Amino acid sequence: MARRGWRADPWRVNIRVALVDPHAQYRQHLAGLLARESGIAVVSEASGLRSFSDAFLANPPGVVLFDIDSPAGGGIAALARVAERHPGLRIVALCLHDEPRLVAAALAAGACACVRKDQPFAHLLAAIHASARGSAN
């Protein structure tokens, strides 16, 4: 119940983020950076699709940062499975290369945005916020 005279601040969004990346050090670094951001909470970390599925049931996120350059391969197919199983979930694909075919495949599979891992953190934050608002990049 809202207090009288109180209005929600549209700029302060609570964004629940899950990280899916096979590289633990990258996940931990990213989680540390995101923890410093107001309105963003990392609710789970997973090394792959199976561990993400378990974490999702326990603590559902609103936005998933999903590595599509999995060493085991099949990153786009895995992203598509997540998008199909969880239609309201906003997915930001993380990749090492911005090859147009890869980006197009990620977007076609259900990603809202595709961000290269070597881009400045501000680009990833912008993609997270846009995805949480329902915008596509």
Protein backbone atom coordinates (compact mmCIF):
# COMPACT_ATOMS: atom_id res chain seq x y z
CA MET A 1 0.00 0.00 0.00
CA ALA A 2 1.45 3.34 -1.07
CA ARG A 3 1.84 6.15 1.42
CA ARG A 4 -0.23 9.27 0.82
CA GLY A 5 1.68 11.81 -1.25
CA TRP A 6 4.34 9.25 -2.18
CA ARG A 7 5.08 8.58 -5.86
CA ALA A 8 7.35 5.90 -7.27
CA ASP A 9 10.51 7.25 -8.87
CA PRO A 10 10.47 5.99 -12.50
CA TRP A 11 14.26 6.33 -12.72
CA ARG A 12 14.90 4.04 -9.79
CA VAL A 13 14.03 0.58 -11.06
CA ASN A 14 14.69 -2.57 -9.10
CA ILE A 15 16.32 -4.92 -11.60
CA ARG A 16 16.96 -8.52 -10.60
CA VAL A 17 19.84 -9.89 -12.68
CA ALA A 18 21.13 -13.43 -13.23
CA LEU A 19 24.57 -14.10 -14.72
CA VAL A 20 25.10 -17.14 -16.95
CA ASP A 21 28.71 -17.51 -18.03
CA PRO A 22 31.07 -20.51 -17.89
CA HIS A 23 33.96 -18.37 -16.62
CA ALA A 24 33.72 -17.97 -12.84
CA GLN A 25 36.22 -15.12 -12.69
CA TYR A 26 34.25 -13.08 -15.26
CA ARG A 27 30.95 -13.74 -13.42
CA GLN A 28 32.46 -12.68 -10.10
CA HIS A 29 33.94 -9.51 -11.60
CA LEU A 30 30.66 -8.61 -13.27
CA ALA A 31 28.70 -9.35 -10.08
CA GLY A 32 31.04 -7.02 -8.18
CA LEU A 33 30.53 -4.20 -10.68
CA LEU A 34 26.76 -4.65 -10.72
CA ALA A 35 26.61 -4.71 -6.90
CA ARG A 36 27.79 -1.09 -6.91
CA GLU A 37 24.85 0.00 -9.08
CA SER A 38 21.78 1.42 -7.40
CA GLY A 39 18.60 -0.46 -8.27
CA ILE A 40 20.36 -3.58 -9.57
CA ALA A 41 20.65 -6.81 -7.61
CA VAL A 42 22.46 -9.93 -8.82
CA VAL A 43 20.16 -12.72 -7.67
CA SER A 44 22.05 -15.70 -9.11
CA GLU A 45 25.12 -16.84 -10.98
CA ALA A 46 25.37 -19.95 -13.11
CA SER A 47 28.03 -21.59 -15.23
CA GLY A 48 25.56 -23.01 -17.73
CA LEU A 49 22.00 -23.78 -18.66
CA ARG A 50 21.44 -26.60 -16.14
CA SER A 51 22.65 -24.64 -13.13
CA PHE A 52 20.74 -21.57 -14.37
CA SER A 53 17.50 -23.56 -14.50
CA ASP A 54 17.94 -24.59 -10.86
CA ALA A 55 18.80 -21.03 -9.79
CA PHE A 56 15.87 -19.60 -11.77
CA LEU A 57 13.36 -21.70 -9.87
CA ALA A 58 14.84 -20.62 -6.53
CA ASN A 59 15.20 -16.90 -7.32
CA PRO A 60 13.73 -15.70 -10.65
CA PRO A 61 15.47 -12.73 -12.27
CA GLY A 62 13.99 -10.07 -14.55
CA VAL A 63 17.09 -9.81 -16.76
CA VAL A 64 19.62 -12.50 -17.62
CA LEU A 65 23.13 -11.78 -18.89
CA PHE A 66 23.77 -14.87 -21.01
CA ASP A 67 27.13 -15.81 -22.56
CA ILE A 68 26.56 -17.16 -26.07
CA ASP A 69 30.24 -18.03 -26.64
CA SER A 70 30.08 -21.15 -24.50
CA PRO A 71 33.17 -23.40 -24.73
CA ALA A 72 30.82 -26.36 -25.12
CA GLY A 73 29.12 -24.62 -28.06
CA GLY A 74 25.42 -24.22 -28.59
CA GLY A 75 25.15 -20.81 -26.92
CA ILE A 76 22.49 -19.53 -29.33
CA ALA A 77 20.46 -22.74 -29.01
CA ALA A 78 20.69 -22.57 -25.21
CA LEU A 79 19.58 -18.93 -25.27
CA ALA A 80 16.61 -19.91 -27.46
CA ARG A 81 15.62 -22.65 -24.98
CA VAL A 82 15.69 -20.16 -22.08
CA ALA A 83 13.63 -17.63 -24.07
CA GLU A 84 11.11 -20.32 -24.99
CA ARG A 85 10.75 -21.66 -21.43
CA HIS A 86 10.51 -18.19 -19.85
CA PRO A 87 8.74 -15.88 -22.33
CA GLY A 88 8.68 -12.80 -20.07
CA LEU A 89 12.37 -13.01 -19.25
CA ARG A 90 14.59 -10.29 -20.71
CA ILE A 91 17.90 -11.68 -22.03
CA VAL A 92 21.06 -9.73 -22.82
CA ALA A 93 23.46 -11.86 -24.85
CA LEU A 94 27.16 -11.51 -24.00
CA CYS A 95 29.67 -12.33 -26.72
CA LEU A 96 33.32 -11.97 -27.63
CA HIS A 97 32.69 -10.90 -31.23
CA ASP A 98 30.12 -8.64 -32.81
CA GLU A 99 29.87 -10.53 -36.07
CA PRO A 100 26.56 -9.43 -37.64
CA ARG A 101 25.33 -13.01 -38.14
CA LEU A 102 25.99 -13.88 -34.50
CA VAL A 103 24.19 -10.77 -33.25
CA ALA A 104 21.25 -11.40 -35.58
CA ALA A 105 21.05 -15.03 -34.44
CA ALA A 106 21.07 -13.98 -30.76
CA LEU A 107 18.30 -11.45 -31.34
CA ALA A 108 16.26 -13.95 -33.37
CA ALA A 109 16.69 -16.52 -30.57
CA GLY A 110 15.12 -14.15 -28.04
CA ALA A 111 17.80 -11.76 -26.79
CA CYS A 112 16.82 -8.12 -26.26
CA ALA A 113 20.37 -6.97 -26.87
CA CYS A 114 23.84 -8.29 -27.63
CA VAL A 115 26.83 -6.74 -25.86
CA ARG A 116 30.48 -7.55 -26.49
CA LYS A 117 32.39 -8.45 -23.36
CA ASP A 118 35.17 -5.98 -24.18
CA GLN A 119 32.85 -2.97 -24.41
CA PRO A 120 32.81 -0.41 -21.61
CA PHE A 121 30.68 -1.33 -18.60
CA ALA A 122 28.39 1.63 -19.41
CA HIS A 123 27.25 -0.19 -22.58
CA LEU A 124 26.25 -3.24 -20.57
CA LEU A 125 24.42 -1.08 -18.00
CA ALA A 126 22.51 0.66 -20.78
CA ALA A 127 21.49 -2.71 -22.23
CA ILE A 128 20.38 -3.96 -18.80
CA HIS A 129 18.24 -0.88 -18.16
CA ALA A 130 16.76 -0.89 -21.68
CA SER A 131 15.95 -4.59 -21.40
CA ALA A 132 14.34 -4.17 -17.99
CA ARG A 133 12.14 -1.39 -19.43
CA GLY A 134 11.14 -3.68 -22.28
CA SER A 135 13.15 -1.90 -24.95
CA ALA A 136 15.22 -3.78 -27.49
CA ASN A 137 18.71 -2.65 -28.52
